[in-house]
Amino acid sequence: MVRQLTKKRKDGQPYVRPAEIESALKVALGEDLPTLLKRSAIRESKQEGYLPSEVLVHVIRNSMRSGDDRARDALVAALFERCMAILCATIRTSRRFDAQQLRNEVLGQFGERLAADQRPGGNERLDFYEVRFNRAFKALRVNALTAEGVYADRFEPLPSSCDEEPEAHSPEIDSELEPPSDPFAHAEIAEHLDLIDALPPDEREAFALRYVYGYEIESVNPEETTVASLCKVTGRTVHNRINSALRRCPRLKEIAR
């Protein structure tokens, strides 16, 4: 049986995992460690067998509670690899701060939360990572960047106890959208983010949604989230904005494949 979450929102309601995560959890809890590690190595969320990070956090917490150190260490290593791939792209090299040190700091803070979960009474703050992992992990990252003054003009500061997503003031690359389904794609995109940031707002938004966040430009399914639906324009307009961005900066063709 899947362990229920106990952390509550500000309105008093408990956090609830999305239905697809609950279903994935039931499958994962019946699998052995080699299978879980094999699945955790799959990098594309649309690929068969992909293990969502929310599920990975849950099985790690289960291994901690059961005292299975071998499973804990192996699964934590797999999760940290995903996290570092995200950090390498979203915390870029800068003259203003030591990027690698900041990445290590964020990963260390996450590691401390995992470690705290083994203490008596557990750590409810990890519950949010089983609901929206990317959003929870982003909150750690934004807090660290805000402390360096990097995002002072983009985000409201977050209290250290906050697991919620910051509010974005403008449609920058790092908005309230989820990171790409394949976090390892960040490594290929990272060196181009400055070029994307330099595009005019409409072009930047369309290009980033398509090639950084991986949304389809449009869809015949009105329920599907696409670049067109997020930008509130037609698919033709999205194509025009992307083509304009590529004419403006031909180097972006390297990731617009």
C-alpha atoms as a PDB file:
ATOM      1  CA  MET A   1       0.000   0.000   0.000  1.00  0.00           C
ATOM      2  CA  VAL A   2       1.294   3.457  -0.928  1.00  0.00           C
ATOM      3  CA  ARG A   3       2.069   5.573   2.118  1.00  0.00           C
ATOM      4  CA  GLN A   4      -0.114   8.675   2.257  1.00  0.00           C
ATOM      5  CA  LEU A   5       1.364  12.161   2.483  1.00  0.00           C
ATOM      6  CA  THR A   6       0.928  14.129   5.698  1.00  0.00           C
ATOM      7  CA  LYS A   7       2.200  17.611   4.824  1.00  0.00           C
ATOM      8  CA  LYS A   8      -0.624  20.135   4.495  1.00  0.00           C
ATOM      9  CA  ARG A   9      -1.108  23.231   2.395  1.00  0.00           C
ATOM     10  CA  LYS A  10      -1.783  26.654   3.851  1.00  0.00           C
ATOM     11  CA  ASP A  11      -5.524  25.968   3.561  1.00  0.00           C
ATOM     12  CA  GLY A  12      -5.171  22.874   5.747  1.00  0.00           C
ATOM     13  CA  GLN A  13      -5.661  20.376   2.943  1.00  0.00           C
ATOM     14  CA  PRO A  14      -3.052  17.610   2.622  1.00  0.00           C
ATOM     15  CA  TYR A  15      -0.881  17.368  -0.453  1.00  0.00           C
ATOM     16  CA  VAL A  16      -2.147  14.812  -2.957  1.00  0.00           C
ATOM     17  CA  ARG A  17      -0.037  13.111  -5.597  1.00  0.00           C
ATOM     18  CA  PRO A  18      -1.244  13.313  -9.197  1.00  0.00           C
ATOM     19  CA  ALA A  19      -3.121  10.191 -10.291  1.00  0.00           C
ATOM     20  CA  GLU A  20      -0.377   9.192 -12.719  1.00  0.00           C
ATOM     21  CA  ILE A  21       2.213   9.318  -9.940  1.00  0.00           C
ATOM     22  CA  GLU A  22       0.025   7.161  -7.675  1.00  0.00           C
ATOM     23  CA  SER A  23      -0.277   4.600 -10.466  1.00  0.00           C
ATOM     24  CA  ALA A  24       3.460   4.662 -11.145  1.00  0.00           C
ATOM     25  CA  LEU A  25       4.150   4.215  -7.425  1.00  0.00           C
ATOM     26  CA  LYS A  26       2.075   1.055  -7.218  1.00  0.00           C
ATOM     27  CA  VAL A  27       4.120  -0.447 -10.026  1.00  0.00           C
ATOM     28  CA  ALA A  28       7.494   0.667  -8.669  1.00  0.00           C
ATOM     29  CA  LEU A  29       6.848  -0.657  -5.164  1.00  0.00           C
ATOM     30  CA  GLY A  30       6.551  -4.160  -6.612  1.00  0.00           C
ATOM     31  CA  GLU A  31       9.883  -4.004  -8.436  1.00  0.00           C
ATOM     32  CA  ASP A  32      13.342  -5.054  -7.266  1.00  0.00           C
ATOM     33  CA  LEU A  33      16.359  -2.766  -7.023  1.00  0.00           C
ATOM     34  CA  PRO A  34      18.005  -3.738 -10.360  1.00  0.00           C
ATOM     35  CA  THR A  35      14.754  -2.953 -12.172  1.00  0.00           C
ATOM     36  CA  LEU A  36      14.356   0.383 -10.400  1.00  0.00           C
ATOM     37  CA  LEU A  37      17.942   1.373 -11.192  1.00  0.00           C
ATOM     38  CA  LYS A  38      17.484   0.400 -14.819  1.00  0.00           C
ATOM     39  CA  ARG A  39      14.345   2.526 -15.011  1.00  0.00           C
ATOM     40  CA  SER A  40      15.957   5.450 -13.204  1.00  0.00           C
ATOM     41  CA  ALA A  41      18.647   5.547 -15.887  1.00  0.00           C
ATOM     42  CA  ILE A  42      16.066   6.222 -18.612  1.00  0.00           C
ATOM     43  CA  ARG A  43      16.368   9.892 -19.493  1.00  0.00           C
ATOM     44  CA  GLU A  44      13.308  10.539 -21.624  1.00  0.00           C
ATOM     45  CA  SER A  45       9.975  10.720 -19.799  1.00  0.00           C
ATOM     46  CA  LYS A  46       8.071   9.522 -22.867  1.00  0.00           C
ATOM     47  CA  GLN A  47      10.227   6.412 -23.139  1.00  0.00           C
ATOM     48  CA  GLU A  48       8.724   3.182 -21.867  1.00  0.00           C
ATOM     49  CA  GLY A  49       9.833   2.367 -18.335  1.00  0.00           C
ATOM     50  CA  TYR A  50      10.748   5.922 -17.344  1.00  0.00           C
ATOM     51  CA  LEU A  51      10.692   6.365 -13.548  1.00  0.00           C
ATOM     52  CA  PRO A  52       9.314   9.781 -12.516  1.00  0.00           C
ATOM     53  CA  SER A  53      11.432  11.672  -9.999  1.00  0.00           C
ATOM     54  CA  GLU A  54       8.427  11.844  -7.656  1.00  0.00           C
ATOM     55  CA  VAL A  55       8.377   8.046  -7.597  1.00  0.00           C
ATOM     56  CA  LEU A  56      12.139   7.881  -7.166  1.00  0.00           C
ATOM     57  CA  VAL A  57      11.866  10.079  -4.069  1.00  0.00           C
ATOM     58  CA  HIS A  58       9.173   7.800  -2.635  1.00  0.00           C
ATOM     59  CA  VAL A  59      11.147   4.578  -3.089  1.00  0.00           C
ATOM     60  CA  ILE A  60      14.214   6.277  -1.601  1.00  0.00           C
ATOM     61  CA  ARG A  61      12.178   7.246   1.460  1.00  0.00           C
ATOM     62  CA  ASN A  62      10.876   3.688   1.698  1.00  0.00           C
ATOM     63  CA  SER A  63      14.418   2.280   1.616  1.00  0.00           C
ATOM     64  CA  MET A  64      15.399   4.688   4.386  1.00  0.00           C
ATOM     65  CA  ARG A  65      12.496   3.640   6.590  1.00  0.00           C
ATOM     66  CA  SER A  66      13.213  -0.038   6.042  1.00  0.00           C
ATOM     67  CA  GLY A  67      16.944   0.338   6.715  1.00  0.00           C
ATOM     68  CA  ASP A  68      17.948  -0.861   3.240  1.00  0.00           C
ATOM     69  CA  ASP A  69      21.156   1.164   2.925  1.00  0.00           C
ATOM     70  CA  ARG A  70      22.208  -0.521  -0.323  1.00  0.00           C
ATOM     71  CA  ALA A  71      19.005   0.472  -2.103  1.00  0.00           C
ATOM     72  CA  ARG A  72      19.054   3.939  -0.540  1.00  0.00           C
ATOM     73  CA  ASP A  73      22.591   4.723  -1.682  1.00  0.00           C
ATOM     74  CA  ALA A  74      22.072   3.435  -5.223  1.00  0.00           C
ATOM     75  CA  LEU A  75      18.763   5.245  -5.737  1.00  0.00           C
ATOM     76  CA  VAL A  76      20.005   8.497  -4.207  1.00  0.00           C
ATOM     77  CA  ALA A  77      22.966   8.427  -6.607  1.00  0.00           C
ATOM     78  CA  ALA A  78      20.562   8.055  -9.535  1.00  0.00           C
ATOM     79  CA  LEU A  79      18.408  10.936  -8.329  1.00  0.00           C
ATOM     80  CA  PHE A  80      21.413  13.178  -7.672  1.00  0.00           C
ATOM     81  CA  GLU A  81      22.608  12.571 -11.219  1.00  0.00           C
ATOM     82  CA  ARG A  82      19.308  13.923 -12.507  1.00  0.00           C
ATOM     83  CA  CYS A  83      19.473  16.895 -10.162  1.00  0.00           C
ATOM     84  CA  MET A  84      23.012  17.845 -11.115  1.00  0.00           C
ATOM     85  CA  ALA A  85      22.110  17.734 -14.811  1.00  0.00           C
ATOM     86  CA  ILE A  86      19.378  20.280 -14.114  1.00  0.00           C
ATOM     87  CA  LEU A  87      21.692  22.441 -12.007  1.00  0.00           C
ATOM     88  CA  CYS A  88      24.467  22.459 -14.608  1.00  0.00           C
ATOM     89  CA  ALA A  89      22.088  24.065 -17.083  1.00  0.00           C
ATOM     90  CA  THR A  90      20.023  26.329 -14.877  1.00  0.00           C
ATOM     91  CA  ILE A  91      22.894  27.687 -12.764  1.00  0.00           C
ATOM     92  CA  ARG A  92      25.247  28.833 -15.458  1.00  0.00           C
ATOM     93  CA  THR A  93      28.854  29.995 -15.277  1.00  0.00           C
ATOM     94  CA  SER A  94      29.012  33.606 -14.177  1.00  0.00           C
ATOM     95  CA  ARG A  95      31.570  36.179 -13.142  1.00  0.00           C
ATOM     96  CA  ARG A  96      29.299  37.153 -10.268  1.00  0.00           C
ATOM     97  CA  PHE A  97      29.514  33.853  -8.364  1.00  0.00           C
ATOM     98  CA  ASP A  98      31.045  30.383  -8.360  1.00  0.00           C
ATOM     99  CA  ALA A  99      28.462  28.380 -10.306  1.00  0.00           C
ATOM    100  CA  GLN A 100      29.780  24.945  -9.354  1.00  0.00           C
ATOM    101  CA  GLN A 101      29.909  25.844  -5.696  1.00  0.00           C
ATOM    102  CA  LEU A 102      26.314  27.066  -5.868  1.00  0.00           C
ATOM    103  CA  ARG A 103      25.201  23.872  -7.623  1.00  0.00           C
ATOM    104  CA  ASN A 104      26.870  21.790  -4.928  1.00  0.00           C
ATOM    105  CA  GLU A 105      25.207  23.909  -2.271  1.00  0.00           C
ATOM    106  CA  VAL A 106      21.735  23.341  -3.733  1.00  0.00           C
ATOM    107  CA  LEU A 107      22.359  19.618  -4.101  1.00  0.00           C
ATOM    108  CA  GLY A 108      23.688  19.545  -0.553  1.00  0.00           C
ATOM    109  CA  GLN A 109      20.525  21.218   0.758  1.00  0.00           C
ATOM    110  CA  PHE A 110      18.437  18.603  -0.993  1.00  0.00           C
ATOM    111  CA  GLY A 111      20.654  15.879   0.446  1.00  0.00           C
ATOM    112  CA  GLU A 112      20.105  17.321   3.926  1.00  0.00           C
ATOM    113  CA  ARG A 113      16.362  17.047   3.434  1.00  0.00           C
ATOM    114  CA  LEU A 114      16.714  13.425   2.426  1.00  0.00           C
ATOM    115  CA  ALA A 115      18.889  12.734   5.459  1.00  0.00           C
ATOM    116  CA  ALA A 116      16.410  14.492   7.772  1.00  0.00           C
ATOM    117  CA  ASP A 117      13.704  12.143   6.546  1.00  0.00           C
ATOM    118  CA  GLN A 118      15.415   9.287   8.416  1.00  0.00           C
ATOM    119  CA  ARG A 119      15.037  10.990  11.779  1.00  0.00           C
ATOM    120  CA  PRO A 120      12.214  10.115  14.174  1.00  0.00           C
ATOM    121  CA  GLY A 121       8.999  11.625  12.871  1.00  0.00           C
ATOM    122  CA  GLY A 122      10.368  11.955   9.360  1.00  0.00           C
ATOM    123  CA  ASN A 123      10.474  15.152   7.360  1.00  0.00           C
ATOM    124  CA  GLU A 124       7.149  16.297   5.909  1.00  0.00           C
ATOM    125  CA  ARG A 125       8.895  18.805   3.665  1.00  0.00           C
ATOM    126  CA  LEU A 126       9.832  15.946   1.337  1.00  0.00           C
ATOM    127  CA  ASP A 127       6.141  15.241   0.708  1.00  0.00           C
ATOM    128  CA  PHE A 128       5.982  18.041  -1.837  1.00  0.00           C
ATOM    129  CA  TYR A 129       8.772  16.352  -3.799  1.00  0.00           C
ATOM    130  CA  GLU A 130       6.438  13.388  -4.272  1.00  0.00           C
ATOM    131  CA  VAL A 131       3.779  15.693  -5.707  1.00  0.00           C
ATOM    132  CA  ARG A 132       5.729  18.062  -7.968  1.00  0.00           C
ATOM    133  CA  PHE A 133       9.428  17.251  -7.826  1.00  0.00           C
ATOM    134  CA  ASN A 134      10.577  19.755 -10.437  1.00  0.00           C
ATOM    135  CA  ARG A 135       8.701  22.589  -8.754  1.00  0.00           C
ATOM    136  CA  ALA A 136      10.019  21.717  -5.297  1.00  0.00           C
ATOM    137  CA  PHE A 137      13.601  21.373  -6.505  1.00  0.00           C
ATOM    138  CA  LYS A 138      13.315  24.632  -8.390  1.00  0.00           C
ATOM    139  CA  ALA A 139      12.368  26.405  -5.153  1.00  0.00           C
ATOM    140  CA  LEU A 140      15.711  25.355  -3.659  1.00  0.00           C
ATOM    141  CA  ARG A 141      17.529  26.588  -6.734  1.00  0.00           C
ATOM    142  CA  VAL A 142      15.734  29.934  -6.843  1.00  0.00           C
ATOM    143  CA  ASN A 143      16.399  30.533  -3.142  1.00  0.00           C
ATOM    144  CA  ALA A 144      20.111  29.951  -3.708  1.00  0.00           C
ATOM    145  CA  LEU A 145      20.232  32.200  -6.763  1.00  0.00           C
ATOM    146  CA  THR A 146      18.216  34.912  -5.047  1.00  0.00           C
ATOM    147  CA  ALA A 147      20.725  34.874  -2.176  1.00  0.00           C
ATOM    148  CA  GLU A 148      23.394  35.680  -4.776  1.00  0.00           C
ATOM    149  CA  GLY A 149      21.273  38.528  -6.163  1.00  0.00           C
ATOM    150  CA  VAL A 150      20.972  36.761  -9.516  1.00  0.00           C
ATOM    151  CA  TYR A 151      17.198  36.669  -9.808  1.00  0.00           C
ATOM    152  CA  ALA A 152      16.354  39.685  -7.687  1.00  0.00           C
ATOM    153  CA  ASP A 153      14.592  41.285 -10.654  1.00  0.00           C
ATOM    154  CA  ARG A 154      12.670  38.153 -11.646  1.00  0.00           C
ATOM    155  CA  PHE A 155      11.348  36.478  -8.516  1.00  0.00           C
ATOM    156  CA  GLU A 156       9.922  37.301  -5.138  1.00  0.00           C
ATOM    157  CA  PRO A 157      12.342  35.997  -2.452  1.00  0.00           C
ATOM    158  CA  LEU A 158      11.332  32.689  -0.908  1.00  0.00           C
ATOM    159  CA  PRO A 159      11.477  31.973   2.832  1.00  0.00           C
ATOM    160  CA  SER A 160      13.812  29.098   3.606  1.00  0.00           C
ATOM    161  CA  SER A 161      10.921  26.912   4.737  1.00  0.00           C
ATOM    162  CA  CYS A 162       8.963  27.365   1.515  1.00  0.00           C
ATOM    163  CA  ASP A 163       8.413  24.432  -0.806  1.00  0.00           C
ATOM    164  CA  GLU A 164       6.185  26.401  -3.156  1.00  0.00           C
ATOM    165  CA  GLU A 165       7.039  27.798  -6.553  1.00  0.00           C
ATOM    166  CA  PRO A 166       8.079  31.456  -6.722  1.00  0.00           C
ATOM    167  CA  GLU A 167       5.997  33.801  -8.820  1.00  0.00           C
ATOM    168  CA  ALA A 168       7.637  34.806 -12.086  1.00  0.00           C
ATOM    169  CA  HIS A 169       7.480  38.487 -12.971  1.00  0.00           C
ATOM    170  CA  SER A 170       8.254  38.012 -16.649  1.00  0.00           C
ATOM    171  CA  PRO A 171       8.251  35.175 -19.208  1.00  0.00           C
ATOM    172  CA  GLU A 172      11.976  34.445 -18.874  1.00  0.00           C
ATOM    173  CA  ILE A 173      13.536  31.091 -19.690  1.00  0.00           C
ATOM    174  CA  ASP A 174      13.286  30.100 -16.036  1.00  0.00           C
ATOM    175  CA  SER A 175       9.536  30.584 -15.595  1.00  0.00           C
ATOM    176  CA  GLU A 176       6.978  28.699 -13.536  1.00  0.00           C
ATOM    177  CA  LEU A 177       6.879  25.992 -16.192  1.00  0.00           C
ATOM    178  CA  GLU A 178       8.360  22.611 -15.475  1.00  0.00           C
ATOM    179  CA  PRO A 179      11.917  21.884 -16.703  1.00  0.00           C
ATOM    180  CA  PRO A 180      12.228  19.609 -19.760  1.00  0.00           C
ATOM    181  CA  SER A 181      10.972  16.048 -19.430  1.00  0.00           C
ATOM    182  CA  ASP A 182      14.543  14.952 -20.128  1.00  0.00           C
ATOM    183  CA  PRO A 183      16.706  16.836 -17.615  1.00  0.00           C
ATOM    184  CA  PHE A 184      19.882  15.582 -19.284  1.00  0.00           C
ATOM    185  CA  ALA A 185      18.971  17.591 -22.390  1.00  0.00           C
ATOM    186  CA  HIS A 186      19.882  20.616 -20.285  1.00  0.00           C
ATOM    187  CA  ALA A 187      23.579  19.931 -20.812  1.00  0.00           C
ATOM    188  CA  GLU A 188      23.249  20.356 -24.575  1.00  0.00           C
ATOM    189  CA  ILE A 189      21.071  23.462 -24.255  1.00  0.00           C
ATOM    190  CA  ALA A 190      22.995  25.187 -21.466  1.00  0.00           C
ATOM    191  CA  GLU A 191      25.569  26.955 -23.618  1.00  0.00           C
ATOM    192  CA  HIS A 192      22.799  28.505 -25.724  1.00  0.00           C
ATOM    193  CA  LEU A 193      20.681  29.952 -22.925  1.00  0.00           C
ATOM    194  CA  ASP A 194      22.365  33.353 -23.046  1.00  0.00           C
ATOM    195  CA  LEU A 195      21.505  33.547 -26.744  1.00  0.00           C
ATOM    196  CA  ILE A 196      17.883  32.630 -26.029  1.00  0.00           C
ATOM    197  CA  ASP A 197      17.696  35.161 -23.198  1.00  0.00           C
ATOM    198  CA  ALA A 198      18.827  37.875 -25.618  1.00  0.00           C
ATOM    199  CA  LEU A 199      15.888  37.319 -27.995  1.00  0.00           C
ATOM    200  CA  PRO A 200      12.887  39.685 -27.984  1.00  0.00           C
ATOM    201  CA  PRO A 201      10.258  38.530 -25.433  1.00  0.00           C
ATOM    202  CA  ASP A 202       7.803  36.947 -27.875  1.00  0.00           C
ATOM    203  CA  GLU A 203      10.506  35.080 -29.754  1.00  0.00           C
ATOM    204  CA  ARG A 204      12.261  34.043 -26.546  1.00  0.00           C
ATOM    205  CA  GLU A 205       9.070  32.653 -25.063  1.00  0.00           C
ATOM    206  CA  ALA A 206       8.132  30.674 -28.176  1.00  0.00           C
ATOM    207  CA  PHE A 207      11.657  29.311 -28.724  1.00  0.00           C
ATOM    208  CA  ALA A 208      12.182  28.366 -25.083  1.00  0.00           C
ATOM    209  CA  LEU A 209       8.825  26.620 -24.749  1.00  0.00           C
ATOM    210  CA  ARG A 210       9.576  24.559 -27.853  1.00  0.00           C
ATOM    211  CA  TYR A 211      13.259  23.746 -27.517  1.00  0.00           C
ATOM    212  CA  VAL A 212      14.054  24.157 -23.814  1.00  0.00           C
ATOM    213  CA  TYR A 213      10.820  22.884 -22.270  1.00  0.00           C
ATOM    214  CA  GLY A 214       9.906  20.508 -25.095  1.00  0.00           C
ATOM    215  CA  TYR A 215       6.273  21.449 -25.735  1.00  0.00           C
ATOM    216  CA  GLU A 216       4.757  20.717 -29.151  1.00  0.00           C
ATOM    217  CA  ILE A 217       3.973  23.829 -31.158  1.00  0.00           C
ATOM    218  CA  GLU A 218       0.280  22.936 -31.538  1.00  0.00           C
ATOM    219  CA  SER A 219      -2.053  19.966 -31.318  1.00  0.00           C
ATOM    220  CA  VAL A 220      -5.429  18.803 -32.623  1.00  0.00           C
ATOM    221  CA  ASN A 221      -6.232  17.860 -29.020  1.00  0.00           C
ATOM    222  CA  PRO A 222      -7.651  20.990 -27.322  1.00  0.00           C
ATOM    223  CA  GLU A 223      -6.740  19.563 -23.902  1.00  0.00           C
ATOM    224  CA  GLU A 224      -3.024  19.273 -24.667  1.00  0.00           C
ATOM    225  CA  THR A 225      -0.692  21.990 -23.421  1.00  0.00           C
ATOM    226  CA  THR A 226       1.312  23.377 -26.337  1.00  0.00           C
ATOM    227  CA  VAL A 227       3.448  26.380 -27.166  1.00  0.00           C
ATOM    228  CA  ALA A 228       0.468  27.937 -28.930  1.00  0.00           C
ATOM    229  CA  SER A 229      -1.864  27.451 -25.966  1.00  0.00           C
ATOM    230  CA  LEU A 230       0.686  28.803 -23.485  1.00  0.00           C
ATOM    231  CA  CYS A 231       1.448  31.843 -25.646  1.00  0.00           C
ATOM    232  CA  LYS A 232      -2.264  32.256 -26.457  1.00  0.00           C
ATOM    233  CA  VAL A 233      -1.569  32.550 -30.179  1.00  0.00           C
ATOM    234  CA  THR A 234      -2.001  30.338 -33.245  1.00  0.00           C
ATOM    235  CA  GLY A 235       0.466  27.676 -34.270  1.00  0.00           C
ATOM    236  CA  ARG A 236       1.332  29.739 -37.357  1.00  0.00           C
ATOM    237  CA  THR A 237       2.303  32.660 -35.134  1.00  0.00           C
ATOM    238  CA  VAL A 238       4.523  30.379 -33.064  1.00  0.00           C
ATOM    239  CA  HIS A 239       6.257  29.139 -36.227  1.00  0.00           C
ATOM    240  CA  ASN A 240       6.782  32.727 -37.348  1.00  0.00           C
ATOM    241  CA  ARG A 241       8.299  33.713 -33.986  1.00  0.00           C
ATOM    242  CA  ILE A 242      10.636  30.720 -33.958  1.00  0.00           C
ATOM    243  CA  ASN A 243      11.737  31.336 -37.557  1.00  0.00           C
ATOM    244  CA  SER A 244      12.383  34.980 -36.707  1.00  0.00           C
ATOM    245  CA  ALA A 245      14.504  33.892 -33.737  1.00  0.00           C
ATOM    246  CA  LEU A 246      16.539  31.563 -35.954  1.00  0.00           C
ATOM    247  CA  ARG A 247      17.132  34.328 -38.506  1.00  0.00           C
ATOM    248  CA  ARG A 248      18.151  36.664 -35.706  1.00  0.00           C
ATOM    249  CA  CYS A 249      20.538  34.125 -34.180  1.00  0.00           C
ATOM    250  CA  PRO A 250      21.584  31.326 -36.591  1.00  0.00           C
ATOM    251  CA  ARG A 251      23.553  29.569 -33.830  1.00  0.00           C
ATOM    252  CA  LEU A 252      20.258  28.502 -32.276  1.00  0.00           C
ATOM    253  CA  LYS A 253      19.799  26.112 -35.200  1.00  0.00           C
ATOM    254  CA  GLU A 254      22.180  23.809 -33.321  1.00  0.00           C
ATOM    255  CA  ILE A 255      19.425  22.959 -30.820  1.00  0.00           C
ATOM    256  CA  ALA A 256      16.407  23.521 -33.097  1.00  0.00           C
ATOM    257  CA  ARG A 257      16.668  20.114 -34.659  1.00  0.00           C
END
